[in-house]
C-alpha atoms as a PDB file:
ATOM      1  CA  UNK A   1    -196.101  70.413  37.481  1.00  0.00           C
ATOM      2  CA  UNK A   2    -197.567  67.182  36.094  1.00  0.00           C
ATOM      3  CA  UNK A   3    -200.313  68.909  34.232  1.00  0.00           C
ATOM      4  CA  UNK A   4    -197.949  71.490  32.813  1.00  0.00           C
ATOM      5  CA  UNK A   5    -195.482  68.807  31.614  1.00  0.00           C
ATOM      6  CA  UNK A   6    -198.297  66.705  30.085  1.00  0.00           C
ATOM      7  CA  UNK A   7    -199.372  69.698  27.916  1.00  0.00           C
ATOM      8  CA  UNK A   8    -195.752  70.295  26.559  1.00  0.00           C
ATOM      9  CA  UNK A   9    -195.068  68.916  23.148  1.00  0.00           C
ATOM     10  CA  UNK A  10    -191.524  67.837  24.042  1.00  0.00           C
ATOM     11  CA  UNK A  11    -192.956  65.467  26.749  1.00  0.00           C
ATOM     12  CA  UNK A  12    -195.759  63.927  24.564  1.00  0.00           C
ATOM     13  CA  UNK A  13    -193.887  60.590  24.074  1.00  0.00           C
ATOM     14  CA  UNK A  14    -193.331  60.149  27.808  1.00  0.00           C
ATOM     15  CA  UNK A  15    -195.618  57.939  29.934  1.00  0.00           C
ATOM     16  CA  UNK A  16    -197.508  59.413  32.868  1.00  0.00           C
ATOM     17  CA  UNK A  17    -195.080  57.680  35.200  1.00  0.00           C
ATOM     18  CA  UNK A  18    -192.020  59.251  33.570  1.00  0.00           C
ATOM     19  CA  UNK A  19    -193.658  62.598  33.596  1.00  0.00           C
ATOM     20  CA  UNK A  20    -194.464  62.225  37.265  1.00  0.00           C
ATOM     21  CA  UNK A  21    -190.792  61.376  37.990  1.00  0.00           C
ATOM     22  CA  UNK A  22    -189.606  64.364  36.080  1.00  0.00           C
ATOM     23  CA  UNK A  23    -192.103  66.657  37.829  1.00  0.00           C
ATOM     24  CA  UNK A  24    -190.811  65.367  41.077  1.00  0.00           C
ATOM     25  CA  UNK A  25    -187.355  66.746  40.590  1.00  0.00           C
ATOM     26  CA  UNK A  26    -188.376  69.899  38.873  1.00  0.00           C
ATOM     27  CA  UNK A  27    -188.116  73.441  39.988  1.00  0.00           C
ATOM     28  CA  UNK A  28    -189.815  76.359  38.029  1.00  0.00           C
ATOM     29  CA  UNK A  29    -187.959  79.688  37.981  1.00  0.00           C
ATOM     30  CA  UNK A  30    -188.943  82.993  36.471  1.00  0.00           C
ATOM     31  CA  UNK A  31    -186.050  85.149  35.154  1.00  0.00           C
ATOM     32  CA  UNK A  32    -186.830  88.777  34.799  1.00  0.00           C
ATOM     33  CA  UNK A  33    -185.278  90.769  31.873  1.00  0.00           C
ATOM     34  CA  UNK A  34    -181.404  91.019  32.195  1.00  0.00           C
ATOM     35  CA  UNK A  35    -181.524  88.771  35.285  1.00  0.00           C
ATOM     36  CA  UNK A  36    -178.639  86.144  35.345  1.00  0.00           C
ATOM     37  CA  UNK A  37    -179.108  82.414  35.860  1.00  0.00           C
ATOM     38  CA  UNK A  38    -175.361  81.796  35.800  1.00  0.00           C
ATOM     39  CA  UNK A  39    -172.358  84.050  36.430  1.00  0.00           C
ATOM     40  CA  UNK A  40    -168.569  83.467  35.756  1.00  0.00           C
ATOM     41  CA  UNK A  41    -166.908  81.257  38.463  1.00  0.00           C
ATOM     42  CA  UNK A  42    -170.334  80.068  39.823  1.00  0.00           C
ATOM     43  CA  UNK A  43    -170.939  76.311  39.924  1.00  0.00           C
ATOM     44  CA  UNK A  44    -174.003  75.253  38.071  1.00  0.00           C
ATOM     45  CA  UNK A  45    -175.118  71.593  38.420  1.00  0.00           C
ATOM     46  CA  UNK A  46    -178.436  71.906  36.574  1.00  0.00           C
ATOM     47  CA  UNK A  47    -180.250  71.061  33.327  1.00  0.00           C
ATOM     48  CA  UNK A  48    -183.192  73.303  32.359  1.00  0.00           C
ATOM     49  CA  UNK A  49    -185.864  73.769  29.834  1.00  0.00           C
ATOM     50  CA  UNK A  50    -186.847  77.229  28.502  1.00  0.00           C
ATOM     51  CA  UNK A  51    -190.537  77.210  28.357  1.00  0.00           C
ATOM     52  CA  UNK A  52    -191.123  80.884  27.448  1.00  0.00           C
ATOM     53  CA  UNK A  53    -188.787  83.795  26.665  1.00  0.00           C
ATOM     54  CA  UNK A  54    -185.305  84.189  25.340  1.00  0.00           C
ATOM     55  CA  UNK A  55    -181.892  83.729  26.903  1.00  0.00           C
ATOM     56  CA  UNK A  56    -178.297  84.443  25.914  1.00  0.00           C
ATOM     57  CA  UNK A  57    -175.131  82.491  26.654  1.00  0.00           C
ATOM     58  CA  UNK A  58    -171.952  84.733  26.600  1.00  0.00           C
ATOM     59  CA  UNK A  59    -168.475  85.315  27.918  1.00  0.00           C
ATOM     60  CA  UNK A  60    -166.062  88.124  28.000  1.00  0.00           C
ATOM     61  CA  UNK A  61    -162.953  87.970  25.799  1.00  0.00           C
ATOM     62  CA  UNK A  62    -159.553  89.095  26.918  1.00  0.00           C
ATOM     63  CA  UNK A  63    -160.523  92.730  26.123  1.00  0.00           C
ATOM     64  CA  UNK A  64    -163.731  92.586  28.117  1.00  0.00           C
ATOM     65  CA  UNK A  65    -165.951  92.373  25.034  1.00  0.00           C
ATOM     66  CA  UNK A  66    -169.109  90.149  25.446  1.00  0.00           C
ATOM     67  CA  UNK A  67    -169.129  87.274  22.987  1.00  0.00           C
ATOM     68  CA  UNK A  68    -172.608  85.817  22.459  1.00  0.00           C
ATOM     69  CA  UNK A  69    -172.406  82.166  21.571  1.00  0.00           C
ATOM     70  CA  UNK A  70    -176.028  80.898  21.865  1.00  0.00           C
ATOM     71  CA  UNK A  71    -179.535  82.641  21.785  1.00  0.00           C
ATOM     72  CA  UNK A  72    -181.956  79.962  22.633  1.00  0.00           C
ATOM     73  CA  UNK A  73    -185.701  80.880  22.594  1.00  0.00           C
ATOM     74  CA  UNK A  74    -188.862  79.214  23.682  1.00  0.00           C
ATOM     75  CA  UNK A  75    -189.140  78.085  19.979  1.00  0.00           C
ATOM     76  CA  UNK A  76    -186.240  75.727  20.532  1.00  0.00           C
ATOM     77  CA  UNK A  77    -187.243  73.196  23.145  1.00  0.00           C
ATOM     78  CA  UNK A  78    -184.271  71.155  24.487  1.00  0.00           C
ATOM     79  CA  UNK A  79    -182.649  70.420  27.730  1.00  0.00           C
ATOM     80  CA  UNK A  80    -179.928  73.149  28.174  1.00  0.00           C
ATOM     81  CA  UNK A  81    -177.038  73.472  30.566  1.00  0.00           C
ATOM     82  CA  UNK A  82    -173.870  75.480  30.836  1.00  0.00           C
ATOM     83  CA  UNK A  83    -171.525  74.948  27.774  1.00  0.00           C
ATOM     84  CA  UNK A  84    -168.800  74.137  30.315  1.00  0.00           C
ATOM     85  CA  UNK A  85    -170.585  71.101  31.370  1.00  0.00           C
ATOM     86  CA  UNK A  86    -169.148  69.505  28.271  1.00  0.00           C
ATOM     87  CA  UNK A  87    -165.591  70.647  28.963  1.00  0.00           C
ATOM     88  CA  UNK A  88    -162.856  69.493  31.357  1.00  0.00           C
ATOM     89  CA  UNK A  89    -162.689  71.291  34.650  1.00  0.00           C
ATOM     90  CA  UNK A  90    -161.274  74.705  34.411  1.00  0.00           C
ATOM     91  CA  UNK A  91    -162.100  78.385  34.787  1.00  0.00           C
ATOM     92  CA  UNK A  92    -165.884  78.977  34.401  1.00  0.00           C
ATOM     93  CA  UNK A  93    -166.373  82.019  32.236  1.00  0.00           C
ATOM     94  CA  UNK A  94    -169.809  81.839  30.924  1.00  0.00           C
ATOM     95  CA  UNK A  95    -172.929  83.922  31.819  1.00  0.00           C
ATOM     96  CA  UNK A  96    -176.532  82.904  31.048  1.00  0.00           C
ATOM     97  CA  UNK A  97    -178.937  85.914  31.127  1.00  0.00           C
ATOM     98  CA  UNK A  98    -182.584  86.527  30.313  1.00  0.00           C
ATOM     99  CA  UNK A  99    -182.987  88.745  27.285  1.00  0.00           C
ATOM    100  CA  UNK A 100    -186.609  89.215  28.013  1.00  0.00           C
ATOM    101  CA  UNK A 101    -188.785  87.822  30.893  1.00  0.00           C
ATOM    102  CA  UNK A 102    -188.287  84.077  30.656  1.00  0.00           C
ATOM    103  CA  UNK A 103    -189.670  80.995  32.351  1.00  0.00           C
ATOM    104  CA  UNK A 104    -187.470  78.052  32.824  1.00  0.00           C
ATOM    105  CA  UNK A 105    -187.868  74.636  34.653  1.00  0.00           C
ATOM    106  CA  UNK A 106    -184.671  73.460  36.486  1.00  0.00           C
ATOM    107  CA  UNK A 107    -183.586  69.884  37.104  1.00  0.00           C
ATOM    108  CA  UNK A 108    -180.658  68.821  39.313  1.00  0.00           C
ATOM    109  CA  UNK A 109    -178.145  67.239  36.849  1.00  0.00           C
ATOM    110  CA  UNK A 110    -177.187  64.291  39.108  1.00  0.00           C
ATOM    111  CA  UNK A 111    -180.833  63.428  39.871  1.00  0.00           C
ATOM    112  CA  UNK A 112    -181.804  63.809  36.237  1.00  0.00           C
ATOM    113  CA  UNK A 113    -179.103  61.444  34.933  1.00  0.00           C
ATOM    114  CA  UNK A 114    -180.040  58.923  37.555  1.00  0.00           C
ATOM    115  CA  UNK A 115    -183.624  58.774  36.471  1.00  0.00           C
ATOM    116  CA  UNK A 116    -182.726  58.877  32.835  1.00  0.00           C
ATOM    117  CA  UNK A 117    -180.961  55.615  33.179  1.00  0.00           C
ATOM    118  CA  UNK A 118    -183.955  54.131  34.958  1.00  0.00           C
ATOM    119  CA  UNK A 119    -186.613  55.296  32.409  1.00  0.00           C
ATOM    120  CA  UNK A 120    -186.079  54.735  28.648  1.00  0.00           C
ATOM    121  CA  UNK A 121    -188.392  57.587  27.595  1.00  0.00           C
ATOM    122  CA  UNK A 122    -186.503  60.137  29.588  1.00  0.00           C
ATOM    123  CA  UNK A 123    -183.093  58.869  28.379  1.00  0.00           C
ATOM    124  CA  UNK A 124    -184.280  59.024  24.777  1.00  0.00           C
ATOM    125  CA  UNK A 125    -185.583  62.635  25.219  1.00  0.00           C
ATOM    126  CA  UNK A 126    -182.313  63.696  26.828  1.00  0.00           C
ATOM    127  CA  UNK A 127    -180.355  62.087  23.900  1.00  0.00           C
ATOM    128  CA  UNK A 128    -182.563  63.812  21.463  1.00  0.00           C
ATOM    129  CA  UNK A 129    -181.921  67.207  23.120  1.00  0.00           C
ATOM    130  CA  UNK A 130    -178.141  66.644  22.971  1.00  0.00           C
ATOM    131  CA  UNK A 131    -178.401  65.797  19.336  1.00  0.00           C
ATOM    132  CA  UNK A 132    -180.434  68.910  18.667  1.00  0.00           C
ATOM    133  CA  UNK A 133    -177.803  71.134  20.509  1.00  0.00           C
ATOM    134  CA  UNK A 134    -174.856  69.346  18.488  1.00  0.00           C
ATOM    135  CA  UNK A 135    -176.779  69.987  15.345  1.00  0.00           C
ATOM    136  CA  UNK A 136    -177.294  73.665  16.131  1.00  0.00           C
ATOM    137  CA  UNK A 137    -173.596  74.099  16.977  1.00  0.00           C
ATOM    138  CA  UNK A 138    -172.458  72.242  13.875  1.00  0.00           C
ATOM    139  CA  UNK A 139    -174.645  74.389  11.642  1.00  0.00           C
ATOM    140  CA  UNK A 140    -173.293  77.579  13.406  1.00  0.00           C
ATOM    141  CA  UNK A 141    -169.700  76.436  12.746  1.00  0.00           C
ATOM    142  CA  UNK A 142    -170.286  75.618   9.124  1.00  0.00           C
ATOM    143  CA  UNK A 143    -172.133  78.844   8.672  1.00  0.00           C
ATOM    144  CA  UNK A 144    -169.036  80.939   9.851  1.00  0.00           C
ATOM    145  CA  UNK A 145    -166.782  78.918   7.610  1.00  0.00           C
ATOM    146  CA  UNK A 146    -168.792  79.210   4.310  1.00  0.00           C
ATOM    147  CA  UNK A 147    -171.177  82.214   4.585  1.00  0.00           C
ATOM    148  CA  UNK A 148    -170.849  85.872   4.172  1.00  0.00           C
ATOM    149  CA  UNK A 149    -172.219  88.187   6.866  1.00  0.00           C
ATOM    150  CA  UNK A 150    -175.267  89.037   4.659  1.00  0.00           C
ATOM    151  CA  UNK A 151    -176.007  85.213   4.076  1.00  0.00           C
ATOM    152  CA  UNK A 152    -175.591  84.664   7.832  1.00  0.00           C
ATOM    153  CA  UNK A 153    -178.069  87.427   8.659  1.00  0.00           C
ATOM    154  CA  UNK A 154    -180.637  86.295   6.180  1.00  0.00           C
ATOM    155  CA  UNK A 155    -180.453  82.692   7.361  1.00  0.00           C
ATOM    156  CA  UNK A 156    -180.695  83.767  10.936  1.00  0.00           C
ATOM    157  CA  UNK A 157    -183.738  86.105  10.049  1.00  0.00           C
ATOM    158  CA  UNK A 158    -185.493  83.233   8.318  1.00  0.00           C
ATOM    159  CA  UNK A 159    -184.734  80.555  11.040  1.00  0.00           C
ATOM    160  CA  UNK A 160    -185.138  82.666  14.203  1.00  0.00           C
ATOM    161  CA  UNK A 161    -187.802  85.385  13.621  1.00  0.00           C
ATOM    162  CA  UNK A 162    -188.669  85.378  17.416  1.00  0.00           C
ATOM    163  CA  UNK A 163    -185.108  86.128  18.396  1.00  0.00           C
ATOM    164  CA  UNK A 164    -184.789  88.926  15.757  1.00  0.00           C
ATOM    165  CA  UNK A 165    -187.997  90.461  17.103  1.00  0.00           C
ATOM    166  CA  UNK A 166    -187.070  90.257  20.796  1.00  0.00           C
ATOM    167  CA  UNK A 167    -183.279  90.442  21.026  1.00  0.00           C
ATOM    168  CA  UNK A 168    -181.150  93.721  21.110  1.00  0.00           C
ATOM    169  CA  UNK A 169    -179.571  94.263  17.685  1.00  0.00           C
ATOM    170  CA  UNK A 170    -176.167  94.424  19.436  1.00  0.00           C
ATOM    171  CA  UNK A 171    -176.521  90.906  20.603  1.00  0.00           C
ATOM    172  CA  UNK A 172    -177.597  89.675  17.203  1.00  0.00           C
ATOM    173  CA  UNK A 173    -174.680  91.383  15.468  1.00  0.00           C
ATOM    174  CA  UNK A 174    -172.325  89.945  17.918  1.00  0.00           C
ATOM    175  CA  UNK A 175    -173.769  86.527  17.567  1.00  0.00           C
ATOM    176  CA  UNK A 176    -173.325  86.742  13.773  1.00  0.00           C
ATOM    177  CA  UNK A 177    -169.707  87.863  14.092  1.00  0.00           C
ATOM    178  CA  UNK A 178    -170.287  91.411  12.642  1.00  0.00           C
ATOM    179  CA  UNK A 179    -170.503  94.797  14.063  1.00  0.00           C
ATOM    180  CA  UNK A 180    -173.639  96.683  14.825  1.00  0.00           C
ATOM    181  CA  UNK A 181    -172.867  99.191  12.173  1.00  0.00           C
ATOM    182  CA  UNK A 182    -172.435  96.382   9.632  1.00  0.00           C
ATOM    183  CA  UNK A 183    -175.678  94.805  10.661  1.00  0.00           C
ATOM    184  CA  UNK A 184    -177.429  98.251  10.179  1.00  0.00           C
ATOM    185  CA  UNK A 185    -175.969  98.564   6.670  1.00  0.00           C
ATOM    186  CA  UNK A 186    -177.034  94.939   5.859  1.00  0.00           C
ATOM    187  CA  UNK A 187    -180.551  95.386   7.095  1.00  0.00           C
ATOM    188  CA  UNK A 188    -180.839  98.717   5.219  1.00  0.00           C
ATOM    189  CA  UNK A 189    -179.815  97.119   2.051  1.00  0.00           C
ATOM    190  CA  UNK A 190    -181.974  94.048   2.727  1.00  0.00           C
ATOM    191  CA  UNK A 191    -185.031  96.347   3.299  1.00  0.00           C
ATOM    192  CA  UNK A 192    -184.271  98.390   0.149  1.00  0.00           C
ATOM    193  CA  UNK A 193    -184.124  95.404  -1.932  1.00  0.00           C
ATOM    194  CA  UNK A 194    -187.323  94.003  -0.439  1.00  0.00           C
ATOM    195  CA  UNK A 195    -189.126  97.305  -1.122  1.00  0.00           C
ATOM    196  CA  UNK A 196    -187.883  97.398  -4.784  1.00  0.00           C
ATOM    197  CA  UNK A 197    -189.126  93.867  -5.272  1.00  0.00           C
ATOM    198  CA  UNK A 198    -192.600  94.999  -4.290  1.00  0.00           C
ATOM    199  CA  UNK A 199    -192.846  97.734  -6.794  1.00  0.00           C
END
């Protein structure tokens, strides 16, 4: 794993010693399409990095409808964990599932936090990841407060082309807070506008 980590951009600021320490507590895992990393009610005491592929984080609402809250891809490198890791103990309702074949690297959370307090580079990398996730969630919240469905779609299309190319449209529509039919109408209007612009 050392050579793999050394080649990864997110680890470029770590020393060889820090990478060696991280590699010693890492476990690679391949998730096949639709395979679940986490299911409701299941304990999950890990952090992980998504090195290739696309995942979705979702839960079922009171009517049994899946609500997609996060669609991280290999283009957004950060240490990830269950959203409930940041919440008080309670019912665990989230599912983490591979949208396409995906490769992750798992770290036991307790071991990771222990070495992070001992190695400044790892601590800074973890802090940077937390800030990145907070920034993503903050932008998503603001987007729902101020943007129309069309604006949300256009912004998502521009910022996340890999997800748009690989995720089911139903997942994207749900993530954007619109129905699949509404998304179809939006994309049809958008495509028509783009075609007219080319004439």
